[in-house]
Amino acid sequence: MKFPVAEALDDGSWRSVIRGSGRDRRRSRGELPVRIVACRIEGGDETTMLATTLLDHRAAPAAELAALYHERWEIETAYDEVKTHILGPGAALRSKTPDLVFQKIDGLMLAHYAVRRLIHEAAEKAGEDPDRLSFVHAVRVMRRRIINPGAFPPRGPAGRRD
């Protein structure tokens, strides 16, 4: 995409507009004012364009936004870990009541925490950064270590199976 400069700002960023595609673009509908920050990602040679709706360059300086870009991807990675590697690709929450959906989500979050905790402990012992250890590998190790996964089946109210 091209981001034409509507207004250059003191911190090196600029204001621009992202327009809709196709018919919306031809009719000048669907415009979103954005601020563009050009930055280099650590270890890379290319300039990356970061588009944000944080338009005030004094409240959110370009250098700060560029530094936080990596942090944004950490939460995306965590979502992927839960959805793809714990829940499984293409899986759906099939609980029949809102309470059971919340129960399933709580279980997924606890499982994610348990794996991340294991990774943290292993990284601490090895003197490594926990972000450098593989989530998928940790899940595989934990699955191999569970002797009887059906030993603790989920139970609903009054001990009924859900």
N, C-alpha and C. Protein backbone atom coordinates (compact mmCIF):
# COMPACT_ATOMS: atom_id res chain seq x y z
N MET A 1 0.84 -1.18 0.00
CA MET A 1 0.00 0.00 0.00
C MET A 1 0.88 1.24 0.00
N LYS A 2 0.33 2.28 -0.53
CA LYS A 2 1.01 3.57 -0.49
C LYS A 2 0.29 4.44 0.53
N PHE A 3 1.07 5.18 1.28
CA PHE A 3 0.52 6.05 2.31
C PHE A 3 0.93 7.48 2.02
N PRO A 4 0.12 8.21 1.25
CA PRO A 4 0.48 9.59 0.91
C PRO A 4 0.55 10.46 2.18
N VAL A 5 1.48 11.40 2.19
CA VAL A 5 1.67 12.27 3.33
C VAL A 5 0.61 13.37 3.32
N ALA A 6 -0.28 13.34 4.30
CA ALA A 6 -1.28 14.40 4.46
C ALA A 6 -0.72 15.50 5.36
N GLU A 7 0.09 15.09 6.35
CA GLU A 7 0.74 16.04 7.25
C GLU A 7 1.97 15.38 7.86
N ALA A 8 3.13 16.01 7.68
CA ALA A 8 4.37 15.51 8.29
C ALA A 8 4.40 15.95 9.75
N LEU A 9 4.86 15.06 10.63
CA LEU A 9 4.89 15.36 12.06
C LEU A 9 6.34 15.44 12.55
N ASP A 10 6.52 16.09 13.71
CA ASP A 10 7.86 16.37 14.25
C ASP A 10 8.68 15.12 14.53
N ASP A 11 8.04 14.00 14.85
CA ASP A 11 8.78 12.79 15.24
C ASP A 11 9.16 11.91 14.05
N GLY A 12 8.94 12.39 12.83
CA GLY A 12 9.29 11.63 11.63
C GLY A 12 8.13 10.83 11.07
N SER A 13 7.04 10.73 11.80
CA SER A 13 5.86 10.03 11.29
C SER A 13 5.02 11.02 10.47
N TRP A 14 3.97 10.51 9.85
CA TRP A 14 3.08 11.39 9.10
C TRP A 14 1.65 10.88 9.15
N ARG A 15 0.75 11.82 8.97
CA ARG A 15 -0.67 11.46 8.90
C ARG A 15 -1.01 11.14 7.46
N SER A 16 -1.88 10.15 7.32
CA SER A 16 -2.32 9.70 6.00
C SER A 16 -3.74 9.19 6.12
N VAL A 17 -4.22 8.57 5.06
CA VAL A 17 -5.58 8.02 5.05
C VAL A 17 -5.53 6.66 4.36
N ILE A 18 -6.22 5.69 4.95
CA ILE A 18 -6.40 4.40 4.29
C ILE A 18 -7.82 4.40 3.76
N ARG A 19 -7.95 4.08 2.48
CA ARG A 19 -9.27 4.08 1.86
C ARG A 19 -9.73 2.65 1.62
N GLY A 20 -11.04 2.48 1.54
CA GLY A 20 -11.61 1.18 1.22
C GLY A 20 -11.17 0.73 -0.16
N SER A 21 -11.57 -0.46 -0.53
CA SER A 21 -11.16 -0.98 -1.84
C SER A 21 -12.33 -0.98 -2.80
N GLY A 22 -12.02 -1.17 -4.07
CA GLY A 22 -13.05 -1.31 -5.10
C GLY A 22 -14.00 -0.14 -5.18
N ARG A 23 -15.29 -0.43 -5.09
CA ARG A 23 -16.33 0.58 -5.22
C ARG A 23 -16.20 1.66 -4.13
N ASP A 24 -15.86 1.26 -2.91
CA ASP A 24 -15.71 2.24 -1.83
C ASP A 24 -14.60 3.24 -2.15
N ARG A 25 -13.50 2.76 -2.72
CA ARG A 25 -12.39 3.67 -3.04
C ARG A 25 -12.82 4.64 -4.13
N ARG A 26 -13.50 4.15 -5.15
CA ARG A 26 -13.94 5.03 -6.25
C ARG A 26 -14.93 6.08 -5.76
N ARG A 27 -15.69 5.77 -4.75
CA ARG A 27 -16.69 6.72 -4.22
C ARG A 27 -16.16 7.49 -3.01
N SER A 28 -14.86 7.31 -2.71
CA SER A 28 -14.21 7.98 -1.57
C SER A 28 -14.94 7.71 -0.26
N ARG A 29 -15.41 6.49 -0.09
CA ARG A 29 -16.05 6.09 1.17
C ARG A 29 -15.09 5.19 1.93
N GLY A 30 -15.35 5.05 3.20
CA GLY A 30 -14.56 4.14 4.00
C GLY A 30 -13.16 4.63 4.28
N GLU A 31 -12.99 5.93 4.44
CA GLU A 31 -11.67 6.47 4.73
C GLU A 31 -11.38 6.38 6.22
N LEU A 32 -10.15 5.98 6.55
CA LEU A 32 -9.72 5.88 7.94
C LEU A 32 -8.46 6.71 8.11
N PRO A 33 -8.53 7.77 8.94
CA PRO A 33 -7.31 8.54 9.18
C PRO A 33 -6.32 7.73 10.00
N VAL A 34 -5.07 7.71 9.59
CA VAL A 34 -4.03 6.94 10.27
C VAL A 34 -2.76 7.78 10.37
N ARG A 35 -1.88 7.31 11.20
CA ARG A 35 -0.54 7.87 11.31
C ARG A 35 0.44 6.77 10.91
N ILE A 36 1.40 7.09 10.09
CA ILE A 36 2.36 6.12 9.59
C ILE A 36 3.71 6.36 10.26
N VAL A 37 4.29 5.28 10.77
CA VAL A 37 5.61 5.32 11.37
C VAL A 37 6.49 4.38 10.55
N ALA A 38 7.55 4.94 9.97
CA ALA A 38 8.50 4.12 9.21
C ALA A 38 9.60 3.70 10.18
N CYS A 39 9.86 2.40 10.24
CA CYS A 39 10.89 1.91 11.18
C CYS A 39 11.54 0.66 10.62
N ARG A 40 12.69 0.32 11.19
CA ARG A 40 13.38 -0.92 10.86
C ARG A 40 13.19 -1.88 12.02
N ILE A 41 12.80 -3.10 11.72
CA ILE A 41 12.65 -4.13 12.74
C ILE A 41 14.05 -4.65 13.07
N GLU A 42 14.29 -4.89 14.34
CA GLU A 42 15.62 -5.32 14.79
C GLU A 42 16.09 -6.54 14.01
N GLY A 43 17.29 -6.43 13.46
CA GLY A 43 17.87 -7.53 12.70
C GLY A 43 17.48 -7.53 11.23
N GLY A 44 16.64 -6.58 10.82
CA GLY A 44 16.19 -6.54 9.43
C GLY A 44 16.78 -5.37 8.68
N ASP A 45 16.74 -5.45 7.36
CA ASP A 45 17.27 -4.37 6.52
C ASP A 45 16.16 -3.52 5.92
N GLU A 46 14.95 -4.08 5.86
CA GLU A 46 13.84 -3.38 5.22
C GLU A 46 13.20 -2.38 6.16
N THR A 47 12.64 -1.33 5.56
CA THR A 47 11.85 -0.38 6.32
C THR A 47 10.43 -0.90 6.38
N THR A 48 9.87 -0.93 7.57
CA THR A 48 8.50 -1.40 7.77
C THR A 48 7.62 -0.20 8.05
N MET A 49 6.43 -0.20 7.48
CA MET A 49 5.48 0.87 7.72
C MET A 49 4.46 0.40 8.74
N LEU A 50 4.40 1.09 9.85
CA LEU A 50 3.46 0.78 10.91
C LEU A 50 2.33 1.79 10.82
N ALA A 51 1.11 1.33 10.60
CA ALA A 51 -0.06 2.21 10.54
C ALA A 51 -0.79 2.12 11.87
N THR A 52 -1.12 3.27 12.42
CA THR A 52 -1.82 3.31 13.70
C THR A 52 -2.92 4.35 13.69
N THR A 53 -3.92 4.14 14.51
CA THR A 53 -4.98 5.14 14.67
C THR A 53 -4.65 6.09 15.82
N LEU A 54 -3.48 5.93 16.44
CA LEU A 54 -3.00 6.86 17.47
C LEU A 54 -2.41 8.05 16.73
N LEU A 55 -3.21 9.07 16.54
CA LEU A 55 -2.84 10.18 15.67
C LEU A 55 -1.98 11.25 16.34
N ASP A 56 -2.01 11.34 17.66
CA ASP A 56 -1.28 12.38 18.38
C ASP A 56 0.17 11.94 18.59
N HIS A 57 1.09 12.57 17.88
CA HIS A 57 2.50 12.19 17.95
C HIS A 57 3.15 12.58 19.28
N ARG A 58 2.53 13.48 20.03
CA ARG A 58 3.07 13.83 21.35
C ARG A 58 2.68 12.80 22.40
N ALA A 59 1.47 12.27 22.30
CA ALA A 59 1.01 11.25 23.26
C ALA A 59 1.63 9.88 22.97
N ALA A 60 1.90 9.59 21.70
CA ALA A 60 2.49 8.30 21.31
C ALA A 60 3.59 8.56 20.29
N PRO A 61 4.81 8.88 20.77
CA PRO A 61 5.92 9.17 19.85
C PRO A 61 6.25 7.98 18.94
N ALA A 62 6.73 8.29 17.76
CA ALA A 62 7.05 7.25 16.76
C ALA A 62 8.04 6.23 17.30
N ALA A 63 9.08 6.68 17.99
CA ALA A 63 10.09 5.75 18.51
C ALA A 63 9.47 4.77 19.51
N GLU A 64 8.54 5.26 20.33
CA GLU A 64 7.87 4.40 21.31
C GLU A 64 6.98 3.37 20.61
N LEU A 65 6.25 3.79 19.60
CA LEU A 65 5.39 2.86 18.86
C LEU A 65 6.22 1.78 18.16
N ALA A 66 7.34 2.19 17.58
CA ALA A 66 8.21 1.22 16.90
C ALA A 66 8.76 0.21 17.90
N ALA A 67 9.12 0.68 19.09
CA ALA A 67 9.65 -0.23 20.11
C ALA A 67 8.59 -1.20 20.61
N LEU A 68 7.33 -0.77 20.64
CA LEU A 68 6.24 -1.61 21.13
C LEU A 68 5.68 -2.55 20.07
N TYR A 69 6.09 -2.39 18.83
CA TYR A 69 5.57 -3.21 17.74
C TYR A 69 5.76 -4.70 18.02
N HIS A 70 6.93 -5.06 18.53
CA HIS A 70 7.23 -6.46 18.85
C HIS A 70 6.27 -6.99 19.91
N GLU A 71 5.95 -6.17 20.90
CA GLU A 71 5.06 -6.59 21.97
C GLU A 71 3.68 -6.93 21.44
N ARG A 72 3.22 -6.22 20.44
CA ARG A 72 1.90 -6.49 19.85
C ARG A 72 1.85 -7.90 19.30
N TRP A 73 2.94 -8.35 18.71
CA TRP A 73 2.96 -9.68 18.12
C TRP A 73 3.01 -10.77 19.17
N GLU A 74 3.47 -10.46 20.36
CA GLU A 74 3.49 -11.48 21.42
C GLU A 74 2.08 -11.92 21.78
N ILE A 75 1.12 -11.00 21.84
CA ILE A 75 -0.26 -11.40 22.15
C ILE A 75 -0.85 -12.19 20.99
N GLU A 76 -0.52 -11.80 19.74
CA GLU A 76 -1.00 -12.56 18.58
C GLU A 76 -0.45 -13.99 18.63
N THR A 77 0.79 -14.13 19.04
CA THR A 77 1.39 -15.45 19.17
C THR A 77 0.69 -16.27 20.24
N ALA A 78 0.34 -15.62 21.35
CA ALA A 78 -0.37 -16.32 22.43
C ALA A 78 -1.74 -16.80 21.94
N TYR A 79 -2.45 -15.97 21.17
CA TYR A 79 -3.74 -16.40 20.62
C TYR A 79 -3.55 -17.64 19.73
N ASP A 80 -2.50 -17.61 18.91
CA ASP A 80 -2.21 -18.75 18.03
C ASP A 80 -1.90 -20.00 18.86
N GLU A 81 -1.15 -19.84 19.93
CA GLU A 81 -0.80 -20.98 20.77
C GLU A 81 -2.06 -21.66 21.32
N VAL A 82 -3.01 -20.86 21.78
CA VAL A 82 -4.24 -21.42 22.33
C VAL A 82 -5.10 -22.02 21.23
N LYS A 83 -5.35 -21.26 20.16
CA LYS A 83 -6.27 -21.70 19.12
C LYS A 83 -5.74 -22.87 18.31
N THR A 84 -4.46 -22.86 17.98
CA THR A 84 -3.91 -23.86 17.08
C THR A 84 -3.29 -25.04 17.79
N HIS A 85 -2.53 -24.78 18.85
CA HIS A 85 -1.74 -25.84 19.44
C HIS A 85 -2.36 -26.49 20.67
N ILE A 86 -3.24 -25.78 21.35
CA ILE A 86 -3.92 -26.40 22.49
C ILE A 86 -5.31 -26.87 22.06
N LEU A 87 -6.12 -25.96 21.52
CA LEU A 87 -7.47 -26.32 21.09
C LEU A 87 -7.43 -27.21 19.86
N GLY A 88 -6.55 -26.90 18.93
CA GLY A 88 -6.42 -27.68 17.70
C GLY A 88 -6.97 -26.91 16.52
N PRO A 89 -6.37 -27.09 15.35
CA PRO A 89 -6.80 -26.35 14.17
C PRO A 89 -8.23 -26.70 13.78
N GLY A 90 -9.01 -25.68 13.51
CA GLY A 90 -10.38 -25.88 13.07
C GLY A 90 -11.36 -26.31 14.15
N ALA A 91 -10.89 -26.42 15.38
CA ALA A 91 -11.77 -26.83 16.48
C ALA A 91 -12.71 -25.70 16.86
N ALA A 92 -13.86 -26.06 17.38
CA ALA A 92 -14.85 -25.07 17.80
C ALA A 92 -15.26 -25.36 19.24
N LEU A 93 -15.71 -24.33 19.91
CA LEU A 93 -16.26 -24.50 21.25
C LEU A 93 -17.71 -24.96 21.08
N ARG A 94 -18.00 -26.20 21.42
CA ARG A 94 -19.32 -26.77 21.17
C ARG A 94 -20.18 -26.87 22.42
N SER A 95 -19.80 -26.22 23.46
CA SER A 95 -20.59 -26.30 24.69
C SER A 95 -21.99 -25.77 24.44
N LYS A 96 -22.94 -26.31 25.15
CA LYS A 96 -24.35 -26.00 24.88
C LYS A 96 -24.90 -24.84 25.71
N THR A 97 -24.15 -24.39 26.70
CA THR A 97 -24.62 -23.26 27.51
C THR A 97 -23.47 -22.26 27.68
N PRO A 98 -23.80 -20.98 27.94
CA PRO A 98 -22.75 -19.99 28.16
C PRO A 98 -21.80 -20.37 29.29
N ASP A 99 -22.33 -20.95 30.37
CA ASP A 99 -21.47 -21.35 31.48
C ASP A 99 -20.44 -22.39 31.05
N LEU A 100 -20.84 -23.32 30.19
CA LEU A 100 -19.91 -24.34 29.73
C LEU A 100 -18.89 -23.77 28.75
N VAL A 101 -19.27 -22.74 27.99
CA VAL A 101 -18.31 -22.06 27.12
C VAL A 101 -17.25 -21.39 27.98
N PHE A 102 -17.68 -20.69 29.04
CA PHE A 102 -16.73 -20.06 29.95
C PHE A 102 -15.83 -21.09 30.60
N GLN A 103 -16.40 -22.23 30.96
CA GLN A 103 -15.61 -23.30 31.57
C GLN A 103 -14.54 -23.79 30.60
N LYS A 104 -14.90 -23.94 29.34
CA LYS A 104 -13.96 -24.40 28.32
C LYS A 104 -12.84 -23.37 28.13
N ILE A 105 -13.22 -22.10 28.06
CA ILE A 105 -12.22 -21.05 27.90
C ILE A 105 -11.29 -20.99 29.11
N ASP A 106 -11.87 -21.12 30.31
CA ASP A 106 -11.03 -21.17 31.52
C ASP A 106 -10.04 -22.32 31.45
N GLY A 107 -10.50 -23.46 31.00
CA GLY A 107 -9.62 -24.62 30.87
C GLY A 107 -8.50 -24.38 29.86
N LEU A 108 -8.84 -23.75 28.74
CA LEU A 108 -7.82 -23.43 27.72
C LEU A 108 -6.79 -22.46 28.28
N MET A 109 -7.25 -21.46 29.03
CA MET A 109 -6.32 -20.49 29.60
C MET A 109 -5.42 -21.14 30.66
N LEU A 110 -5.98 -22.04 31.44
CA LEU A 110 -5.18 -22.76 32.44
C LEU A 110 -4.14 -23.66 31.76
N ALA A 111 -4.55 -24.32 30.68
CA ALA A 111 -3.61 -25.18 29.95
C ALA A 111 -2.49 -24.33 29.35
N HIS A 112 -2.84 -23.17 28.78
CA HIS A 112 -1.83 -22.28 28.21
C HIS A 112 -0.88 -21.81 29.30
N TYR A 113 -1.43 -21.44 30.45
CA TYR A 113 -0.59 -21.01 31.56
C TYR A 113 0.36 -22.13 32.00
N ALA A 114 -0.16 -23.35 32.08
CA ALA A 114 0.67 -24.48 32.52
C ALA A 114 1.85 -24.69 31.57
N VAL A 115 1.60 -24.61 30.27
CA VAL A 115 2.67 -24.78 29.29
C VAL A 115 3.68 -23.64 29.40
N ARG A 116 3.18 -22.43 29.49
CA ARG A 116 4.06 -21.26 29.60
C ARG A 116 4.88 -21.31 30.89
N ARG A 117 4.27 -21.80 31.96
CA ARG A 117 4.98 -21.93 33.24
C ARG A 117 6.11 -22.96 33.11
N LEU A 118 5.83 -24.07 32.46
CA LEU A 118 6.86 -25.09 32.21
C LEU A 118 8.01 -24.49 31.39
N ILE A 119 7.67 -23.74 30.36
CA ILE A 119 8.68 -23.10 29.52
C ILE A 119 9.52 -22.13 30.36
N HIS A 120 8.87 -21.35 31.20
CA HIS A 120 9.58 -20.40 32.04
C HIS A 120 10.57 -21.10 32.97
N GLU A 121 10.12 -22.18 33.60
CA GLU A 121 11.00 -22.92 34.51
C GLU A 121 12.18 -23.54 33.76
N ALA A 122 11.92 -24.10 32.58
CA ALA A 122 12.99 -24.70 31.78
C ALA A 122 13.98 -23.62 31.34
N ALA A 123 13.48 -22.48 30.92
CA ALA A 123 14.35 -21.39 30.47
C ALA A 123 15.20 -20.87 31.62
N GLU A 124 14.58 -20.76 32.79
CA GLU A 124 15.31 -20.28 33.96
C GLU A 124 16.47 -21.22 34.30
N LYS A 125 16.22 -22.52 34.27
CA LYS A 125 17.27 -23.50 34.57
C LYS A 125 18.39 -23.46 33.54
N ALA A 126 18.03 -23.21 32.28
CA ALA A 126 19.03 -23.20 31.20
C ALA A 126 19.66 -21.82 31.00
N GLY A 127 19.16 -20.81 31.72
CA GLY A 127 19.68 -19.46 31.53
C GLY A 127 19.32 -18.86 30.19
N GLU A 128 18.15 -19.23 29.67
CA GLU A 128 17.67 -18.77 28.37
C GLU A 128 16.50 -17.79 28.53
N ASP A 129 16.20 -17.08 27.47
CA ASP A 129 15.01 -16.23 27.42
C ASP A 129 13.83 -17.16 27.12
N PRO A 130 12.74 -17.12 27.92
CA PRO A 130 11.59 -18.00 27.66
C PRO A 130 11.00 -17.84 26.26
N ASP A 131 11.12 -16.65 25.67
CA ASP A 131 10.59 -16.43 24.33
C ASP A 131 11.35 -17.22 23.27
N ARG A 132 12.53 -17.71 23.61
CA ARG A 132 13.35 -18.45 22.66
C ARG A 132 13.02 -19.94 22.63
N LEU A 133 12.20 -20.41 23.59
CA LEU A 133 11.86 -21.83 23.64
C LEU A 133 10.55 -22.09 22.90
N SER A 134 10.43 -23.25 22.30
CA SER A 134 9.30 -23.59 21.45
C SER A 134 8.06 -23.99 22.26
N PHE A 135 6.97 -23.30 22.01
CA PHE A 135 5.70 -23.64 22.64
C PHE A 135 5.23 -25.01 22.16
N VAL A 136 5.33 -25.27 20.87
CA VAL A 136 4.88 -26.53 20.30
C VAL A 136 5.66 -27.70 20.91
N HIS A 137 6.96 -27.55 21.05
CA HIS A 137 7.77 -28.60 21.66
C HIS A 137 7.32 -28.85 23.10
N ALA A 138 7.07 -27.78 23.85
CA ALA A 138 6.63 -27.93 25.24
C ALA A 138 5.29 -28.66 25.32
N VAL A 139 4.37 -28.35 24.42
CA VAL A 139 3.07 -29.04 24.40
C VAL A 139 3.28 -30.52 24.12
N ARG A 140 4.15 -30.84 23.16
CA ARG A 140 4.42 -32.24 22.84
C ARG A 140 5.02 -32.99 24.03
N VAL A 141 5.95 -32.34 24.72
CA VAL A 141 6.56 -32.95 25.91
C VAL A 141 5.50 -33.22 26.95
N MET A 142 4.64 -32.24 27.21
CA MET A 142 3.60 -32.42 28.22
C MET A 142 2.62 -33.53 27.83
N ARG A 143 2.26 -33.59 26.56
CA ARG A 143 1.33 -34.64 26.12
C ARG A 143 1.94 -36.03 26.27
N ARG A 144 3.23 -36.15 26.02
CA ARG A 144 3.89 -37.44 26.20
C ARG A 144 3.96 -37.84 27.66
N ARG A 145 4.02 -36.89 28.56
CA ARG A 145 4.16 -37.16 29.99
C ARG A 145 2.84 -37.50 30.67
N ILE A 146 1.72 -37.16 30.04
CA ILE A 146 0.42 -37.47 30.64
C ILE A 146 0.14 -38.95 30.44
N ILE A 147 0.06 -39.69 31.52
CA ILE A 147 -0.08 -41.14 31.45
C ILE A 147 -1.49 -41.54 31.05
N ASN A 148 -2.49 -40.95 31.68
CA ASN A 148 -3.88 -41.30 31.40
C ASN A 148 -4.71 -40.03 31.32
N PRO A 149 -4.81 -39.43 30.10
CA PRO A 149 -5.51 -38.16 29.98
C PRO A 149 -7.00 -38.24 30.33
N GLY A 150 -7.58 -39.42 30.29
CA GLY A 150 -9.00 -39.57 30.62
C GLY A 150 -9.27 -39.79 32.09
N ALA A 151 -8.23 -39.73 32.91
CA ALA A 151 -8.40 -40.01 34.33
C ALA A 151 -9.20 -38.93 35.05
N PHE A 152 -9.26 -37.75 34.47
CA PHE A 152 -9.98 -36.65 35.10
C PHE A 152 -10.99 -36.06 34.12
N PRO A 153 -12.05 -36.81 33.80
CA PRO A 153 -13.02 -36.31 32.83
C PRO A 153 -13.77 -35.10 33.40
N PRO A 154 -14.13 -34.15 32.54
CA PRO A 154 -14.89 -32.99 33.02
C PRO A 154 -16.26 -33.43 33.55
N ARG A 155 -16.68 -32.82 34.60
CA ARG A 155 -17.97 -33.13 35.20
C ARG A 155 -18.79 -31.85 35.30
N GLY A 156 -20.06 -31.96 35.06
CA GLY A 156 -20.97 -30.83 35.19
C GLY A 156 -21.58 -30.80 36.57
N PRO A 157 -22.65 -30.04 36.73
CA PRO A 157 -23.33 -29.99 38.02
C PRO A 157 -23.77 -31.38 38.48
N ALA A 158 -23.69 -31.62 39.75
CA ALA A 158 -24.12 -32.89 40.37
C ALA A 158 -23.35 -34.09 39.84
N GLY A 159 -22.12 -33.87 39.35
CA GLY A 159 -21.29 -34.98 38.92
C GLY A 159 -21.64 -35.56 37.56
N ARG A 160 -22.58 -34.92 36.83
CA ARG A 160 -22.94 -35.44 35.49
C ARG A 160 -21.83 -35.11 34.49
N ARG A 161 -21.64 -36.02 33.54
CA ARG A 161 -20.71 -35.72 32.45
C ARG A 161 -21.37 -34.74 31.50
N ASP A 162 -20.60 -33.76 31.03
CA ASP A 162 -21.13 -32.77 30.07
C ASP A 162 -20.95 -33.25 28.66
